[in-house]
Amino acid sequence: MSSSEVVVQRIDYTVNPALHKRYRIDAVPLLVIADIDGVVHKGFIGPVKAQDLWAAMAECRDPGSTPESCASHQ
């Protein structure tokens, strides 16, 4: 999923507790989609289905691009 526009980062609490505090992470696994400024656009707690992740990424890149039928799965 990593690309020139997307960074995937695993953040272990023991390695970086400040980042857990910044994003108020109190449950894991947690997936956060944030922009370059750190603004969270979408979050998932627990396992994430591939189609839900792709739909969330598409919506973040191009708001309104996700069909209404897909938006309910996010």
N, C-alpha and C. Protein backbone atom coordinates (compact mmCIF):
# COMPACT_ATOMS: atom_id res chain seq x y z
N MET A 1 0.82 -1.19 0.00
CA MET A 1 0.00 0.00 0.00
C MET A 1 0.87 1.25 0.00
N SER A 2 2.12 1.15 0.37
CA SER A 2 3.01 2.32 0.36
C SER A 2 3.26 2.77 -1.07
N SER A 3 3.35 4.08 -1.25
CA SER A 3 3.66 4.66 -2.55
C SER A 3 4.27 6.04 -2.32
N SER A 4 4.46 6.79 -3.40
CA SER A 4 5.00 8.14 -3.23
C SER A 4 4.00 9.05 -2.52
N GLU A 5 2.73 8.68 -2.50
CA GLU A 5 1.70 9.48 -1.84
C GLU A 5 1.19 8.89 -0.54
N VAL A 6 1.54 7.64 -0.27
CA VAL A 6 1.01 6.94 0.90
C VAL A 6 2.16 6.34 1.70
N VAL A 7 2.14 6.59 3.00
CA VAL A 7 3.15 6.01 3.89
C VAL A 7 2.43 5.09 4.86
N VAL A 8 2.94 3.89 5.00
CA VAL A 8 2.41 2.95 5.97
C VAL A 8 3.40 2.87 7.12
N GLN A 9 2.88 3.07 8.33
CA GLN A 9 3.77 3.09 9.49
C GLN A 9 3.13 2.30 10.62
N ARG A 10 3.87 1.36 11.15
CA ARG A 10 3.43 0.62 12.33
C ARG A 10 3.99 1.36 13.54
N ILE A 11 3.12 1.63 14.50
CA ILE A 11 3.53 2.42 15.65
C ILE A 11 3.30 1.60 16.92
N ASP A 12 4.36 1.03 17.45
CA ASP A 12 4.28 0.29 18.70
C ASP A 12 4.29 1.27 19.87
N TYR A 13 3.42 1.04 20.84
CA TYR A 13 3.32 1.93 21.99
C TYR A 13 4.65 2.04 22.73
N THR A 14 5.34 0.93 22.87
CA THR A 14 6.60 0.95 23.63
C THR A 14 7.68 1.75 22.92
N VAL A 15 7.58 1.87 21.60
CA VAL A 15 8.58 2.61 20.83
C VAL A 15 8.21 4.09 20.72
N ASN A 16 6.92 4.40 20.57
CA ASN A 16 6.50 5.78 20.37
C ASN A 16 5.19 6.08 21.10
N PRO A 17 5.22 6.15 22.43
CA PRO A 17 3.99 6.43 23.17
C PRO A 17 3.43 7.82 22.88
N ALA A 18 4.26 8.77 22.49
CA ALA A 18 3.78 10.12 22.19
C ALA A 18 2.81 10.12 21.01
N LEU A 19 3.09 9.29 20.02
CA LEU A 19 2.20 9.22 18.86
C LEU A 19 0.87 8.57 19.23
N HIS A 20 0.91 7.59 20.11
CA HIS A 20 -0.33 6.99 20.60
C HIS A 20 -1.16 8.04 21.33
N LYS A 21 -0.51 8.87 22.12
CA LYS A 21 -1.22 9.93 22.84
C LYS A 21 -1.77 10.97 21.87
N ARG A 22 -0.98 11.35 20.88
CA ARG A 22 -1.41 12.37 19.91
C ARG A 22 -2.69 11.96 19.20
N TYR A 23 -2.77 10.69 18.80
CA TYR A 23 -3.95 10.21 18.09
C TYR A 23 -4.96 9.53 19.00
N ARG A 24 -4.73 9.60 20.31
CA ARG A 24 -5.64 9.04 21.32
C ARG A 24 -5.95 7.57 21.06
N ILE A 25 -4.90 6.82 20.78
CA ILE A 25 -5.05 5.39 20.52
C ILE A 25 -5.14 4.66 21.85
N ASP A 26 -6.28 4.02 22.09
CA ASP A 26 -6.44 3.26 23.32
C ASP A 26 -6.88 1.82 23.05
N ALA A 27 -6.94 1.46 21.77
CA ALA A 27 -7.27 0.09 21.39
C ALA A 27 -6.45 -0.27 20.16
N VAL A 28 -6.05 -1.51 20.09
CA VAL A 28 -5.30 -1.98 18.92
C VAL A 28 -5.88 -3.32 18.48
N PRO A 29 -5.84 -3.68 17.22
CA PRO A 29 -5.24 -2.88 16.16
C PRO A 29 -6.12 -1.71 15.78
N LEU A 30 -5.49 -0.63 15.37
CA LEU A 30 -6.16 0.58 14.92
C LEU A 30 -5.48 1.07 13.66
N LEU A 31 -6.25 1.37 12.65
CA LEU A 31 -5.70 1.91 11.42
C LEU A 31 -6.23 3.34 11.26
N VAL A 32 -5.33 4.28 11.05
CA VAL A 32 -5.69 5.68 10.90
C VAL A 32 -5.25 6.16 9.53
N ILE A 33 -6.13 6.86 8.83
CA ILE A 33 -5.76 7.51 7.58
C ILE A 33 -5.68 9.00 7.89
N ALA A 34 -4.46 9.52 7.83
CA ALA A 34 -4.21 10.93 8.14
C ALA A 34 -3.49 11.58 6.97
N ASP A 35 -3.69 12.89 6.83
CA ASP A 35 -3.00 13.59 5.74
C ASP A 35 -1.61 14.03 6.18
N ILE A 36 -0.92 14.73 5.31
CA ILE A 36 0.47 15.13 5.57
C ILE A 36 0.60 16.03 6.81
N ASP A 37 -0.50 16.70 7.18
CA ASP A 37 -0.50 17.57 8.35
C ASP A 37 -0.90 16.83 9.62
N GLY A 38 -1.19 15.54 9.49
CA GLY A 38 -1.57 14.74 10.65
C GLY A 38 -3.05 14.78 10.97
N VAL A 39 -3.86 15.39 10.10
CA VAL A 39 -5.30 15.44 10.31
C VAL A 39 -5.89 14.08 9.94
N VAL A 40 -6.61 13.48 10.89
CA VAL A 40 -7.20 12.16 10.67
C VAL A 40 -8.47 12.31 9.83
N HIS A 41 -8.54 11.54 8.75
CA HIS A 41 -9.71 11.56 7.88
C HIS A 41 -10.57 10.32 8.05
N LYS A 42 -9.99 9.24 8.53
CA LYS A 42 -10.74 8.00 8.72
C LYS A 42 -9.97 7.10 9.68
N GLY A 43 -10.69 6.35 10.49
CA GLY A 43 -10.05 5.41 11.40
C GLY A 43 -10.85 4.12 11.47
N PHE A 44 -10.15 3.03 11.68
CA PHE A 44 -10.77 1.71 11.80
C PHE A 44 -10.20 1.03 13.04
N ILE A 45 -11.07 0.44 13.84
CA ILE A 45 -10.64 -0.36 14.98
C ILE A 45 -10.86 -1.82 14.61
N GLY A 46 -9.83 -2.63 14.80
CA GLY A 46 -9.94 -4.04 14.47
C GLY A 46 -9.56 -4.31 13.03
N PRO A 47 -9.79 -5.54 12.58
CA PRO A 47 -9.44 -5.90 11.21
C PRO A 47 -10.22 -5.06 10.19
N VAL A 48 -9.57 -4.74 9.08
CA VAL A 48 -10.18 -3.91 8.03
C VAL A 48 -10.25 -4.72 6.74
N LYS A 49 -11.41 -4.74 6.12
CA LYS A 49 -11.55 -5.39 4.81
C LYS A 49 -10.88 -4.52 3.76
N ALA A 50 -10.26 -5.17 2.79
CA ALA A 50 -9.54 -4.46 1.74
C ALA A 50 -10.43 -3.45 1.02
N GLN A 51 -11.65 -3.85 0.70
CA GLN A 51 -12.53 -2.93 -0.04
C GLN A 51 -12.89 -1.70 0.78
N ASP A 52 -13.00 -1.86 2.11
CA ASP A 52 -13.29 -0.71 2.96
C ASP A 52 -12.10 0.24 3.03
N LEU A 53 -10.90 -0.33 3.09
CA LEU A 53 -9.69 0.49 3.12
C LEU A 53 -9.53 1.25 1.81
N TRP A 54 -9.70 0.56 0.68
CA TRP A 54 -9.57 1.22 -0.62
C TRP A 54 -10.62 2.32 -0.79
N ALA A 55 -11.85 2.07 -0.35
CA ALA A 55 -12.91 3.08 -0.45
C ALA A 55 -12.57 4.30 0.40
N ALA A 56 -12.05 4.07 1.60
CA ALA A 56 -11.68 5.18 2.48
C ALA A 56 -10.54 5.99 1.89
N MET A 57 -9.55 5.30 1.31
CA MET A 57 -8.43 6.01 0.67
C MET A 57 -8.92 6.83 -0.52
N ALA A 58 -9.80 6.25 -1.33
CA ALA A 58 -10.34 6.97 -2.49
C ALA A 58 -11.11 8.20 -2.04
N GLU A 59 -11.88 8.07 -0.98
CA GLU A 59 -12.66 9.20 -0.48
C GLU A 59 -11.76 10.30 0.07
N CYS A 60 -10.68 9.93 0.71
CA CYS A 60 -9.73 10.93 1.23
C CYS A 60 -9.03 11.67 0.09
N ARG A 61 -8.67 10.94 -0.94
CA ARG A 61 -7.98 11.55 -2.08
C ARG A 61 -8.91 12.41 -2.92
N ASP A 62 -10.18 11.96 -3.06
CA ASP A 62 -11.13 12.65 -3.92
C ASP A 62 -12.51 12.61 -3.25
N PRO A 63 -12.79 13.56 -2.32
CA PRO A 63 -14.06 13.55 -1.60
C PRO A 63 -15.26 13.48 -2.55
N GLY A 64 -16.20 12.61 -2.21
CA GLY A 64 -17.39 12.42 -3.03
C GLY A 64 -17.24 11.34 -4.08
N SER A 65 -16.06 10.73 -4.15
CA SER A 65 -15.80 9.73 -5.18
C SER A 65 -16.34 8.35 -4.82
N THR A 66 -16.60 8.11 -3.55
CA THR A 66 -17.08 6.81 -3.13
C THR A 66 -18.60 6.75 -3.29
N PRO A 67 -19.11 5.76 -4.03
CA PRO A 67 -20.57 5.64 -4.19
C PRO A 67 -21.24 5.49 -2.83
N GLU A 68 -22.44 6.01 -2.70
CA GLU A 68 -23.17 5.97 -1.44
C GLU A 68 -23.27 4.55 -0.89
N SER A 69 -23.43 3.55 -1.76
CA SER A 69 -23.54 2.17 -1.32
C SER A 69 -22.26 1.68 -0.65
N CYS A 70 -21.11 2.25 -1.01
CA CYS A 70 -19.84 1.87 -0.40
C CYS A 70 -19.57 2.64 0.88
N ALA A 71 -20.08 3.85 0.96
CA ALA A 71 -19.79 4.71 2.11
C ALA A 71 -20.32 4.11 3.40
N SER A 72 -21.40 3.34 3.33
CA SER A 72 -21.98 2.76 4.54
C SER A 72 -21.10 1.67 5.13
N HIS A 73 -20.14 1.15 4.38
CA HIS A 73 -19.26 0.09 4.87
C HIS A 73 -18.05 0.64 5.60
N GLN A 74 -17.84 1.93 5.59
CA GLN A 74 -16.63 2.50 6.17
C GLN A 74 -16.74 2.63 7.65
